[in-house]
N, C-alpha and C. Protein backbone atom coordinates (compact mmCIF):
# COMPACT_ATOMS: atom_id res chain seq x y z
N MET A 1 3.59 -26.73 0.83
CA MET A 1 2.61 -27.84 0.79
C MET A 1 1.05 -27.09 1.67
N GLN A 2 1.34 -26.51 2.65
CA GLN A 2 0.00 -25.59 3.01
C GLN A 2 -0.71 -24.80 1.68
N THR A 3 0.01 -24.19 1.29
CA THR A 3 0.09 -23.39 0.20
C THR A 3 -0.82 -23.97 -1.26
N ALA A 4 -0.67 -25.37 -1.01
CA ALA A 4 -1.29 -26.34 -2.43
C ALA A 4 -2.80 -26.73 -1.88
N VAL A 5 -2.34 -27.35 -0.29
CA VAL A 5 -3.68 -27.78 0.38
C VAL A 5 -4.69 -26.72 0.33
N LEU A 6 -4.71 -25.39 0.71
CA LEU A 6 -5.56 -24.48 0.39
C LEU A 6 -6.64 -23.89 -0.92
N THR A 7 -5.27 -24.02 -1.43
CA THR A 7 -5.45 -23.64 -3.11
C THR A 7 -6.59 -24.71 -3.67
N GLU A 8 -6.36 -25.97 -3.30
CA GLU A 8 -6.82 -26.94 -4.06
C GLU A 8 -8.22 -27.08 -3.35
N ALA A 9 -8.62 -26.33 -2.14
CA ALA A 9 -9.52 -26.57 -1.47
C ALA A 9 -10.57 -25.14 -1.72
N GLY A 10 -10.00 -24.42 -2.84
CA GLY A 10 -10.81 -23.38 -2.90
C GLY A 10 -10.58 -22.23 -1.90
N CYS A 11 -9.36 -22.33 -0.94
CA CYS A 11 -9.49 -20.89 -0.42
C CYS A 11 -7.80 -20.28 -0.69
N THR A 12 -7.95 -18.78 -0.08
CA THR A 12 -6.57 -18.12 -0.32
C THR A 12 -5.65 -18.52 0.21
N PRO A 13 -4.55 -18.74 -0.54
CA PRO A 13 -3.47 -19.03 0.44
C PRO A 13 -2.82 -18.52 0.97
N LEU A 14 -2.33 -18.10 2.32
CA LEU A 14 -1.73 -17.50 3.82
C LEU A 14 -0.68 -17.03 3.45
N LEU A 15 -0.94 -15.82 2.96
CA LEU A 15 0.77 -15.31 2.62
C LEU A 15 0.95 -14.26 4.13
N LEU A 16 2.42 -15.17 4.05
CA LEU A 16 3.09 -14.76 5.87
C LEU A 16 4.29 -13.41 5.50
N LYS A 17 3.83 -12.70 6.38
CA LYS A 17 5.22 -11.92 6.15
C LYS A 17 6.51 -11.94 6.90
N ASP A 18 7.41 -11.36 6.15
CA ASP A 18 9.07 -11.82 5.97
C ASP A 18 9.47 -11.95 7.65
N ASN A 19 8.95 -11.15 8.70
CA ASN A 19 9.13 -11.20 9.77
C ASN A 19 8.51 -12.55 10.45
N ASP A 20 7.22 -13.02 10.06
CA ASP A 20 6.90 -14.21 10.67
C ASP A 20 7.44 -15.59 10.15
N ILE A 21 9.02 -15.76 9.31
CA ILE A 21 9.02 -16.79 9.04
C ILE A 21 9.61 -17.82 9.64
N ILE A 22 10.17 -17.21 10.95
CA ILE A 22 10.60 -17.63 11.97
C ILE A 22 9.92 -18.01 12.68
N GLU A 23 8.54 -17.71 13.39
CA GLU A 23 7.44 -18.13 13.84
C GLU A 23 7.20 -19.36 13.45
N TYR A 24 7.11 -19.07 12.15
CA TYR A 24 6.16 -19.96 11.77
C TYR A 24 6.83 -21.39 11.64
N GLN A 25 8.07 -21.03 11.96
CA GLN A 25 9.03 -22.75 11.62
C GLN A 25 9.27 -22.92 13.13
N HIS A 26 9.03 -22.29 14.38
CA HIS A 26 8.93 -22.60 15.59
C HIS A 26 7.76 -22.92 15.84
N SER A 27 6.93 -22.97 15.52
CA SER A 27 5.41 -23.13 15.34
C SER A 27 5.32 -24.46 15.27
N VAL A 28 5.96 -24.80 13.78
CA VAL A 28 6.03 -25.68 13.18
C VAL A 28 6.62 -27.03 14.32
N VAL A 29 7.78 -26.78 14.48
CA VAL A 29 8.43 -27.67 15.21
C VAL A 29 8.04 -27.84 16.31
N ASP A 30 7.04 -27.10 17.11
CA ASP A 30 6.58 -27.11 18.26
C ASP A 30 5.53 -28.15 18.33
N TYR A 31 4.72 -28.18 17.55
CA TYR A 31 3.64 -29.42 17.03
C TYR A 31 3.97 -30.33 16.56
N TYR A 32 5.21 -30.65 15.87
CA TYR A 32 5.69 -31.98 16.26
C TYR A 32 6.30 -32.82 17.01
N GLU A 33 6.81 -31.57 17.83
CA GLU A 33 7.36 -32.14 19.21
C GLU A 33 6.56 -32.50 20.09
N THR A 34 5.50 -31.50 20.37
CA THR A 34 4.79 -31.75 21.69
C THR A 34 2.87 -31.62 20.92
N GLY A 35 2.62 -31.80 19.87
CA GLY A 35 1.40 -31.88 19.92
C GLY A 35 0.25 -30.77 19.87
N ARG A 36 0.99 -29.31 20.52
CA ARG A 36 0.22 -28.17 20.47
C ARG A 36 -0.25 -27.22 19.20
N TYR A 37 -0.83 -27.29 18.85
CA TYR A 37 -0.84 -26.27 17.34
C TYR A 37 -1.31 -24.71 17.57
N ASN A 38 -1.55 -24.32 19.39
CA ASN A 38 -1.74 -23.19 19.31
C ASN A 38 -1.23 -22.31 18.93
N THR A 39 0.01 -22.43 18.94
CA THR A 39 1.28 -21.16 18.31
C THR A 39 0.99 -21.14 17.03
N TYR A 40 1.01 -22.20 16.08
CA TYR A 40 0.42 -22.02 14.87
C TYR A 40 -0.71 -21.58 14.30
N ALA A 41 -1.55 -22.14 15.07
CA ALA A 41 -3.14 -21.27 14.91
C ALA A 41 -3.27 -19.53 15.00
N ASN A 42 -2.51 -19.20 16.00
CA ASN A 42 -2.29 -17.80 16.22
C ASN A 42 -1.70 -17.27 15.37
N LEU A 43 -0.87 -17.60 14.79
CA LEU A 43 -0.04 -17.24 13.38
C LEU A 43 -0.43 -17.58 12.38
N PHE A 44 -1.35 -18.55 12.29
CA PHE A 44 -2.41 -18.59 10.83
C PHE A 44 -3.12 -17.51 10.88
N LEU A 45 -3.98 -17.03 11.92
CA LEU A 45 -5.10 -16.14 11.87
C LEU A 45 -4.50 -14.99 11.82
N ARG A 46 -3.66 -14.47 12.48
CA ARG A 46 -2.74 -13.19 12.19
C ARG A 46 -2.18 -13.34 10.50
N GLY A 47 -1.88 -14.52 10.38
CA GLY A 47 -1.55 -14.49 8.86
C GLY A 47 -2.47 -14.03 7.67
N TYR A 48 -3.81 -14.85 8.37
CA TYR A 48 -4.84 -14.62 7.11
C TYR A 48 -5.33 -13.35 7.31
N GLN A 49 -5.52 -12.18 8.60
CA GLN A 49 -6.08 -11.11 8.32
C GLN A 49 -5.24 -10.43 7.70
N ASN A 50 -3.56 -10.69 7.61
CA ASN A 50 -2.78 -9.86 6.80
C ASN A 50 -2.92 -10.38 5.49
N THR A 51 -3.14 -11.30 4.96
CA THR A 51 -3.49 -11.48 3.27
C THR A 51 -4.76 -10.44 2.87
N ILE A 52 -5.87 -11.20 3.56
CA ILE A 52 -7.38 -10.57 3.49
C ILE A 52 -6.96 -8.84 3.20
N ASP A 53 -6.28 -8.07 4.20
CA ASP A 53 -5.89 -6.61 3.77
C ASP A 53 -5.07 -6.56 2.80
N VAL A 54 -3.96 -7.35 2.08
CA VAL A 54 -3.22 -6.99 0.84
C VAL A 54 -3.96 -7.23 0.02
N LEU A 55 -5.00 -8.67 -0.03
CA LEU A 55 -5.40 -8.56 -1.42
C LEU A 55 -6.57 -7.33 -1.37
N LEU A 56 -6.96 -6.73 0.06
CA LEU A 56 -7.32 -5.91 -0.30
C LEU A 56 -7.13 -4.24 -0.49
N GLY A 57 -6.19 -3.97 -0.58
CA GLY A 57 -5.32 -2.99 -0.72
C GLY A 57 -5.23 -1.97 0.48
N ARG A 58 -5.81 -3.18 1.48
CA ARG A 58 -5.33 -1.80 2.84
C ARG A 58 -3.93 -1.58 3.21
N SER A 59 -3.86 -0.57 3.14
CA SER A 59 -2.12 -0.16 3.24
C SER A 59 -1.92 -0.17 4.95
N PRO A 60 -0.99 -0.33 5.66
CA PRO A 60 -0.30 -0.30 6.62
C PRO A 60 -0.40 1.33 7.27
N ALA A 61 -0.75 2.05 6.68
CA ALA A 61 -0.99 4.08 7.32
C ALA A 61 -2.89 3.50 7.62
N GLN A 62 -3.51 2.83 6.27
CA GLN A 62 -4.53 2.90 6.31
C GLN A 62 -5.29 2.11 8.03
N LEU A 63 -4.80 0.88 8.19
CA LEU A 63 -4.54 -0.11 9.24
C LEU A 63 -4.73 0.52 10.36
N GLU A 64 -3.41 1.25 10.69
CA GLU A 64 -2.83 2.34 11.86
C GLU A 64 -4.43 3.07 12.15
N ALA A 65 -4.46 3.53 10.95
CA ALA A 65 -5.25 4.74 11.51
C ALA A 65 -6.62 3.81 11.66
N GLN A 66 -7.17 2.83 11.38
CA GLN A 66 -8.63 2.29 11.64
C GLN A 66 -8.42 1.95 13.33
N LYS A 67 -6.48 1.75 13.65
CA LYS A 67 -6.55 0.84 14.90
C LYS A 67 -7.41 2.07 15.93
N ARG A 68 -6.07 3.12 15.20
CA ARG A 68 -6.39 4.31 16.22
C ARG A 68 -7.41 4.82 16.77
N ALA A 69 -8.58 4.85 15.62
CA ALA A 69 -9.94 5.37 15.70
C ALA A 69 -10.83 4.47 16.54
N GLU A 70 -10.29 2.81 15.99
CA GLU A 70 -11.13 1.99 17.35
C GLU A 70 -10.58 2.39 18.28
N GLU A 71 -9.74 2.64 19.16
CA GLU A 71 -9.15 2.60 20.15
C GLU A 71 -9.91 4.25 20.84
N LEU A 72 -9.82 5.04 19.96
CA LEU A 72 -10.56 6.50 20.47
C LEU A 72 -12.30 5.77 20.63
N ILE A 73 -12.77 5.19 20.12
CA ILE A 73 -14.22 4.71 20.17
C ILE A 73 -14.10 4.24 21.78
N ARG A 74 -13.37 3.17 21.55
CA ARG A 74 -13.76 2.43 23.01
C ARG A 74 -12.91 3.43 24.17
N MET A 75 -12.27 4.20 24.17
CA MET A 75 -11.92 5.10 25.12
C MET A 75 -13.31 6.02 25.58
N LYS A 76 -14.53 6.49 24.55
CA LYS A 76 -15.74 7.43 24.98
C LYS A 76 -16.54 5.89 25.63
N LEU A 77 -16.87 5.01 24.96
CA LEU A 77 -18.19 3.73 25.77
C LEU A 77 -17.87 4.00 27.01
């Protein structure tokens, strides 16, 4: 359903990693039981960043190198 809604709205659909599926299921249940959507929102943001990285061809090794470089820069500030 989510993919269809995003696609119909002209947005790129969310690509979750395999290990995010359980968290997705828990976040949906949490929303229906409590009305809280913050768990889902955080998962969506991480998942959408992953989607962008995949579509741009950024490999996990490239992303890790970028993260280390950013940490080094912060340490020097």
